[in-house]
Amino acid sequence: QVHLVESGGGLVQAGGSLRLSCAVSGRTFGSNAMGWFRQAPGKEREFVAAISLGTYYADSVKGRFTISRDNARDTVYLQMNRLKPEDTAVYYCAGGLRSILRITLSSGYDVWGRGTQVTVSS
């Protein structure tokens, strides 16, 4: 059984940086697509970034966030720079993508981590 475990969340001031990690255990995803999503209180889960052969970003984070992976460590990262209060949310790692056509959709993934809280103060 595959498990995804996020880490690296925390409290940061606006303009600061955080790096989230997603460790994969149970089975390697190799070069398969992995994604990051986030959910703020009272809002739906939304796409943040994904990585497959290429990288994909939500417009709201483009130029500030960078997704990367280390296949040797079975870990996916989300480097978040110039954070804003509106980036405050629980961030989730996702894997087990069913179709590349759904890479930006939460419904496209089979496996999810429990999330890590990111809070950006103004």
N, C-alpha and C. Protein backbone atom coordinates (compact mmCIF):
# COMPACT_ATOMS: atom_id res chain seq x y z
N GLN A 1 0.84 -1.18 0.00
CA GLN A 1 0.00 0.00 0.00
C GLN A 1 0.88 1.24 0.00
N VAL A 2 0.50 2.21 -0.81
CA VAL A 2 1.29 3.42 -0.94
C VAL A 2 0.88 4.44 0.11
N HIS A 3 1.88 5.09 0.67
CA HIS A 3 1.61 6.17 1.62
C HIS A 3 2.36 7.41 1.19
N LEU A 4 1.70 8.54 1.36
CA LEU A 4 2.32 9.84 1.10
C LEU A 4 2.32 10.62 2.41
N VAL A 5 3.46 11.16 2.77
CA VAL A 5 3.57 11.91 4.02
C VAL A 5 4.19 13.27 3.73
N GLU A 6 3.39 14.31 4.00
CA GLU A 6 3.88 15.66 3.80
C GLU A 6 4.57 16.19 5.05
N SER A 7 5.51 17.09 4.85
CA SER A 7 6.17 17.78 5.96
C SER A 7 6.67 19.12 5.47
N GLY A 8 7.06 19.97 6.43
CA GLY A 8 7.65 21.24 6.07
C GLY A 8 6.74 22.44 6.24
N GLY A 9 5.49 22.21 6.60
CA GLY A 9 4.58 23.33 6.81
C GLY A 9 4.93 24.10 8.07
N GLY A 10 4.27 25.24 8.24
CA GLY A 10 4.52 26.04 9.42
C GLY A 10 3.97 27.43 9.28
N LEU A 11 4.39 28.30 10.20
CA LEU A 11 3.97 29.70 10.21
C LEU A 11 5.10 30.56 9.68
N VAL A 12 4.79 31.41 8.73
CA VAL A 12 5.80 32.27 8.12
C VAL A 12 5.18 33.63 7.85
N GLN A 13 6.00 34.65 7.87
CA GLN A 13 5.51 36.00 7.54
C GLN A 13 5.39 36.16 6.02
N ALA A 14 4.52 37.05 5.63
CA ALA A 14 4.36 37.34 4.21
C ALA A 14 5.72 37.74 3.62
N GLY A 15 5.99 37.22 2.43
CA GLY A 15 7.26 37.46 1.79
C GLY A 15 8.30 36.39 2.07
N GLY A 16 8.01 35.54 3.04
CA GLY A 16 8.94 34.48 3.40
C GLY A 16 8.83 33.26 2.52
N SER A 17 9.57 32.22 2.89
CA SER A 17 9.64 30.99 2.09
C SER A 17 9.46 29.76 2.97
N LEU A 18 8.96 28.71 2.36
CA LEU A 18 8.88 27.40 2.98
C LEU A 18 9.14 26.36 1.89
N ARG A 19 9.67 25.21 2.30
CA ARG A 19 9.78 24.09 1.38
C ARG A 19 9.04 22.90 1.95
N LEU A 20 8.04 22.46 1.20
CA LEU A 20 7.28 21.27 1.59
C LEU A 20 7.90 20.04 0.96
N SER A 21 7.82 18.94 1.68
CA SER A 21 8.30 17.66 1.18
C SER A 21 7.16 16.64 1.21
N CYS A 22 7.18 15.74 0.27
CA CYS A 22 6.22 14.64 0.23
C CYS A 22 7.00 13.35 0.04
N ALA A 23 7.06 12.54 1.07
CA ALA A 23 7.78 11.28 1.02
C ALA A 23 6.83 10.16 0.63
N VAL A 24 7.25 9.36 -0.34
CA VAL A 24 6.46 8.25 -0.84
C VAL A 24 7.00 6.95 -0.27
N SER A 25 6.13 6.14 0.29
CA SER A 25 6.56 4.84 0.79
C SER A 25 5.58 3.78 0.33
N GLY A 26 6.03 2.55 0.32
CA GLY A 26 5.19 1.43 -0.06
C GLY A 26 5.37 1.04 -1.51
N ARG A 27 5.58 2.02 -2.37
CA ARG A 27 5.83 1.75 -3.79
C ARG A 27 6.38 3.03 -4.38
N THR A 28 7.33 2.92 -5.25
CA THR A 28 7.88 4.13 -5.85
C THR A 28 6.98 4.56 -7.00
N PHE A 29 6.87 5.87 -7.14
CA PHE A 29 6.13 6.40 -8.27
C PHE A 29 7.02 6.63 -9.47
N GLY A 30 8.30 6.47 -9.28
CA GLY A 30 9.23 6.66 -10.38
C GLY A 30 9.03 7.99 -11.04
N SER A 31 8.81 7.98 -12.33
CA SER A 31 8.62 9.23 -13.06
C SER A 31 7.14 9.56 -13.21
N ASN A 32 6.29 8.80 -12.50
CA ASN A 32 4.86 9.09 -12.59
C ASN A 32 4.54 10.46 -12.03
N ALA A 33 3.42 10.99 -12.47
CA ALA A 33 3.05 12.33 -12.06
C ALA A 33 2.72 12.40 -10.57
N MET A 34 3.10 13.50 -9.97
CA MET A 34 2.77 13.81 -8.59
C MET A 34 2.25 15.25 -8.55
N GLY A 35 1.37 15.52 -7.61
CA GLY A 35 0.78 16.85 -7.54
C GLY A 35 0.72 17.39 -6.13
N TRP A 36 0.58 18.71 -6.07
CA TRP A 36 0.31 19.40 -4.80
C TRP A 36 -1.01 20.16 -4.96
N PHE A 37 -1.84 20.03 -3.95
CA PHE A 37 -3.10 20.75 -3.89
C PHE A 37 -3.18 21.45 -2.54
N ARG A 38 -4.11 22.38 -2.40
CA ARG A 38 -4.29 23.04 -1.11
C ARG A 38 -5.76 23.31 -0.86
N GLN A 39 -6.07 23.43 0.40
CA GLN A 39 -7.46 23.70 0.78
C GLN A 39 -7.48 24.66 1.95
N ALA A 40 -8.08 25.82 1.72
CA ALA A 40 -8.24 26.82 2.77
C ALA A 40 -9.59 26.61 3.45
N PRO A 41 -9.76 27.08 4.67
CA PRO A 41 -11.03 26.90 5.38
C PRO A 41 -12.21 27.45 4.58
N GLY A 42 -13.23 26.65 4.43
CA GLY A 42 -14.43 27.08 3.72
C GLY A 42 -14.31 27.08 2.21
N LYS A 43 -13.19 26.61 1.71
CA LYS A 43 -12.98 26.59 0.26
C LYS A 43 -12.75 25.17 -0.23
N GLU A 44 -12.92 24.98 -1.53
CA GLU A 44 -12.66 23.69 -2.13
C GLU A 44 -11.17 23.48 -2.31
N ARG A 45 -10.80 22.22 -2.38
CA ARG A 45 -9.41 21.89 -2.65
C ARG A 45 -9.05 22.38 -4.05
N GLU A 46 -7.88 23.02 -4.16
CA GLU A 46 -7.49 23.57 -5.45
C GLU A 46 -6.09 23.11 -5.86
N PHE A 47 -5.89 23.05 -7.14
CA PHE A 47 -4.61 22.65 -7.70
C PHE A 47 -3.55 23.71 -7.44
N VAL A 48 -2.34 23.27 -7.12
CA VAL A 48 -1.21 24.17 -6.91
C VAL A 48 -0.13 23.92 -7.96
N ALA A 49 0.35 22.68 -8.02
CA ALA A 49 1.44 22.36 -8.94
C ALA A 49 1.48 20.85 -9.15
N ALA A 50 2.05 20.44 -10.27
CA ALA A 50 2.23 19.02 -10.56
C ALA A 50 3.48 18.84 -11.39
N ILE A 51 3.99 17.62 -11.33
CA ILE A 51 5.20 17.30 -12.08
C ILE A 51 5.03 15.95 -12.74
N SER A 52 5.32 15.90 -14.01
CA SER A 52 5.34 14.66 -14.76
C SER A 52 6.59 14.72 -15.63
N LEU A 53 6.46 14.63 -16.91
CA LEU A 53 7.62 14.92 -17.78
C LEU A 53 7.92 16.40 -17.73
N GLY A 54 6.92 17.20 -17.48
CA GLY A 54 7.05 18.64 -17.32
C GLY A 54 6.47 19.08 -16.00
N THR A 55 6.39 20.36 -15.82
CA THR A 55 5.79 20.91 -14.59
C THR A 55 4.58 21.78 -14.94
N TYR A 56 3.65 21.83 -14.02
CA TYR A 56 2.41 22.56 -14.21
C TYR A 56 2.14 23.38 -12.95
N TYR A 57 1.63 24.59 -13.13
CA TYR A 57 1.38 25.47 -11.99
C TYR A 57 0.06 26.19 -12.14
N ALA A 58 -0.58 26.42 -11.00
CA ALA A 58 -1.73 27.31 -10.98
C ALA A 58 -1.24 28.74 -11.23
N ASP A 59 -2.07 29.52 -11.88
CA ASP A 59 -1.68 30.90 -12.18
C ASP A 59 -1.33 31.67 -10.91
N SER A 60 -2.01 31.37 -9.82
CA SER A 60 -1.81 32.11 -8.58
C SER A 60 -0.45 31.89 -7.95
N VAL A 61 0.25 30.82 -8.35
CA VAL A 61 1.56 30.53 -7.74
C VAL A 61 2.69 30.56 -8.75
N LYS A 62 2.36 30.71 -10.00
CA LYS A 62 3.38 30.71 -11.05
C LYS A 62 4.40 31.81 -10.80
N GLY A 63 5.68 31.45 -10.88
CA GLY A 63 6.74 32.41 -10.64
C GLY A 63 7.16 32.51 -9.18
N ARG A 64 6.36 31.93 -8.28
CA ARG A 64 6.70 31.95 -6.85
C ARG A 64 6.98 30.55 -6.30
N PHE A 65 6.28 29.55 -6.81
CA PHE A 65 6.43 28.18 -6.33
C PHE A 65 7.15 27.35 -7.37
N THR A 66 7.91 26.37 -6.89
CA THR A 66 8.61 25.45 -7.78
C THR A 66 8.43 24.03 -7.27
N ILE A 67 7.96 23.14 -8.15
CA ILE A 67 7.82 21.74 -7.80
C ILE A 67 9.03 20.98 -8.38
N SER A 68 9.52 20.02 -7.61
CA SER A 68 10.64 19.22 -8.08
C SER A 68 10.54 17.84 -7.43
N ARG A 69 11.38 16.91 -7.91
CA ARG A 69 11.34 15.57 -7.34
C ARG A 69 12.73 15.00 -7.27
N ASP A 70 12.94 14.12 -6.31
CA ASP A 70 14.18 13.36 -6.18
C ASP A 70 13.77 11.89 -6.21
N ASN A 71 13.90 11.27 -7.36
CA ASN A 71 13.44 9.88 -7.49
C ASN A 71 14.26 8.93 -6.63
N ALA A 72 15.51 9.24 -6.40
CA ALA A 72 16.35 8.38 -5.56
C ALA A 72 15.83 8.35 -4.12
N ARG A 73 15.21 9.44 -3.70
CA ARG A 73 14.67 9.52 -2.34
C ARG A 73 13.16 9.35 -2.32
N ASP A 74 12.56 9.12 -3.48
CA ASP A 74 11.10 9.01 -3.57
C ASP A 74 10.42 10.17 -2.85
N THR A 75 10.87 11.35 -3.18
CA THR A 75 10.35 12.55 -2.52
C THR A 75 10.05 13.62 -3.55
N VAL A 76 8.94 14.30 -3.34
CA VAL A 76 8.56 15.44 -4.17
C VAL A 76 8.57 16.68 -3.28
N TYR A 77 9.04 17.78 -3.84
CA TYR A 77 9.18 19.02 -3.08
C TYR A 77 8.32 20.13 -3.68
N LEU A 78 7.95 21.05 -2.83
CA LEU A 78 7.29 22.28 -3.29
C LEU A 78 7.99 23.44 -2.59
N GLN A 79 8.82 24.14 -3.35
CA GLN A 79 9.49 25.32 -2.82
C GLN A 79 8.57 26.51 -3.01
N MET A 80 8.25 27.18 -1.91
CA MET A 80 7.30 28.29 -1.95
C MET A 80 8.02 29.56 -1.51
N ASN A 81 8.12 30.50 -2.42
CA ASN A 81 8.77 31.78 -2.15
C ASN A 81 7.77 32.92 -2.24
N ARG A 82 8.13 34.04 -1.68
CA ARG A 82 7.28 35.25 -1.69
C ARG A 82 5.85 34.89 -1.28
N LEU A 83 5.75 34.21 -0.18
CA LEU A 83 4.44 33.76 0.29
C LEU A 83 3.53 34.93 0.64
N LYS A 84 2.25 34.70 0.42
CA LYS A 84 1.22 35.70 0.68
C LYS A 84 0.21 35.14 1.68
N PRO A 85 -0.50 36.00 2.39
CA PRO A 85 -1.52 35.49 3.32
C PRO A 85 -2.54 34.59 2.63
N GLU A 86 -2.83 34.86 1.38
CA GLU A 86 -3.81 34.03 0.66
C GLU A 86 -3.27 32.64 0.31
N ASP A 87 -2.01 32.39 0.57
CA ASP A 87 -1.46 31.05 0.40
C ASP A 87 -1.74 30.16 1.62
N THR A 88 -2.30 30.75 2.66
CA THR A 88 -2.61 29.98 3.86
C THR A 88 -3.62 28.88 3.56
N ALA A 89 -3.26 27.65 3.89
CA ALA A 89 -4.10 26.49 3.58
C ALA A 89 -3.42 25.24 4.12
N VAL A 90 -4.16 24.15 4.07
CA VAL A 90 -3.55 22.84 4.25
C VAL A 90 -3.10 22.36 2.88
N TYR A 91 -1.85 21.97 2.78
CA TYR A 91 -1.29 21.52 1.52
C TYR A 91 -1.22 20.00 1.49
N TYR A 92 -1.71 19.43 0.39
CA TYR A 92 -1.77 17.99 0.22
C TYR A 92 -0.93 17.53 -0.96
N CYS A 93 -0.27 16.42 -0.76
CA CYS A 93 0.46 15.75 -1.83
C CYS A 93 -0.44 14.69 -2.43
N ALA A 94 -0.37 14.50 -3.74
CA ALA A 94 -1.22 13.53 -4.42
C ALA A 94 -0.41 12.71 -5.40
N GLY A 95 -0.78 11.43 -5.53
CA GLY A 95 -0.13 10.55 -6.47
C GLY A 95 -1.13 9.57 -7.07
N GLY A 96 -0.62 8.67 -7.89
CA GLY A 96 -1.52 7.71 -8.51
C GLY A 96 -2.42 8.34 -9.55
N LEU A 97 -1.84 9.23 -10.37
CA LEU A 97 -2.63 9.90 -11.40
C LEU A 97 -3.20 8.91 -12.39
N ARG A 98 -4.49 9.05 -12.68
CA ARG A 98 -5.15 8.09 -13.58
C ARG A 98 -4.93 8.46 -15.04
N SER A 99 -4.85 9.76 -15.33
CA SER A 99 -4.70 10.20 -16.72
C SER A 99 -4.01 11.54 -16.73
N ILE A 100 -3.06 11.71 -17.64
CA ILE A 100 -2.32 12.96 -17.74
C ILE A 100 -3.28 14.12 -18.04
N LEU A 101 -4.42 13.80 -18.63
CA LEU A 101 -5.39 14.84 -18.96
C LEU A 101 -6.03 15.43 -17.70
N ARG A 102 -5.87 14.74 -16.58
CA ARG A 102 -6.50 15.19 -15.34
C ARG A 102 -5.46 15.63 -14.31
N ILE A 103 -4.30 15.99 -14.77
CA ILE A 103 -3.18 16.27 -13.87
C ILE A 103 -3.44 17.47 -12.96
N THR A 104 -4.31 18.38 -13.38
CA THR A 104 -4.60 19.54 -12.54
C THR A 104 -5.90 19.38 -11.74
N LEU A 105 -6.49 18.20 -11.80
CA LEU A 105 -7.77 17.94 -11.13
C LEU A 105 -7.56 17.02 -9.94
N SER A 106 -8.14 17.38 -8.81
CA SER A 106 -8.00 16.53 -7.63
C SER A 106 -8.62 15.16 -7.85
N SER A 107 -9.66 15.11 -8.67
CA SER A 107 -10.32 13.83 -8.96
C SER A 107 -9.45 12.90 -9.79
N GLY A 108 -8.35 13.42 -10.32
CA GLY A 108 -7.49 12.60 -11.15
C GLY A 108 -6.51 11.73 -10.39
N TYR A 109 -6.45 11.91 -9.07
CA TYR A 109 -5.45 11.22 -8.26
C TYR A 109 -6.11 10.21 -7.33
N ASP A 110 -5.39 9.10 -7.11
CA ASP A 110 -5.91 8.03 -6.27
C ASP A 110 -5.38 8.05 -4.85
N VAL A 111 -4.20 8.61 -4.65
CA VAL A 111 -3.54 8.52 -3.36
C VAL A 111 -3.25 9.92 -2.83
N TRP A 112 -3.55 10.11 -1.54
CA TRP A 112 -3.37 11.42 -0.93
C TRP A 112 -2.67 11.30 0.41
N GLY A 113 -1.88 12.33 0.73
CA GLY A 113 -1.34 12.43 2.07
C GLY A 113 -2.35 13.09 2.99
N ARG A 114 -1.96 13.24 4.26
CA ARG A 114 -2.87 13.84 5.24
C ARG A 114 -2.79 15.35 5.27
N GLY A 115 -1.79 15.90 4.66
CA GLY A 115 -1.69 17.35 4.57
C GLY A 115 -0.77 17.96 5.60
N THR A 116 -0.29 19.15 5.28
CA THR A 116 0.53 19.92 6.21
C THR A 116 0.06 21.37 6.16
N GLN A 117 -0.07 21.98 7.33
CA GLN A 117 -0.62 23.33 7.42
C GLN A 117 0.44 24.37 7.09
N VAL A 118 0.06 25.29 6.24
CA VAL A 118 0.89 26.46 5.93
C VAL A 118 0.09 27.70 6.31
N THR A 119 0.67 28.52 7.18
CA THR A 119 0.01 29.76 7.61
C THR A 119 0.94 30.93 7.32
N VAL A 120 0.44 31.89 6.57
CA VAL A 120 1.22 33.06 6.21
C VAL A 120 0.59 34.28 6.88
N SER A 121 1.35 34.91 7.75
CA SER A 121 0.83 36.07 8.47
C SER A 121 1.16 37.35 7.70
N SER A 122 0.28 38.32 7.84
CA SER A 122 0.49 39.58 7.12
C SER A 122 1.30 40.57 7.93
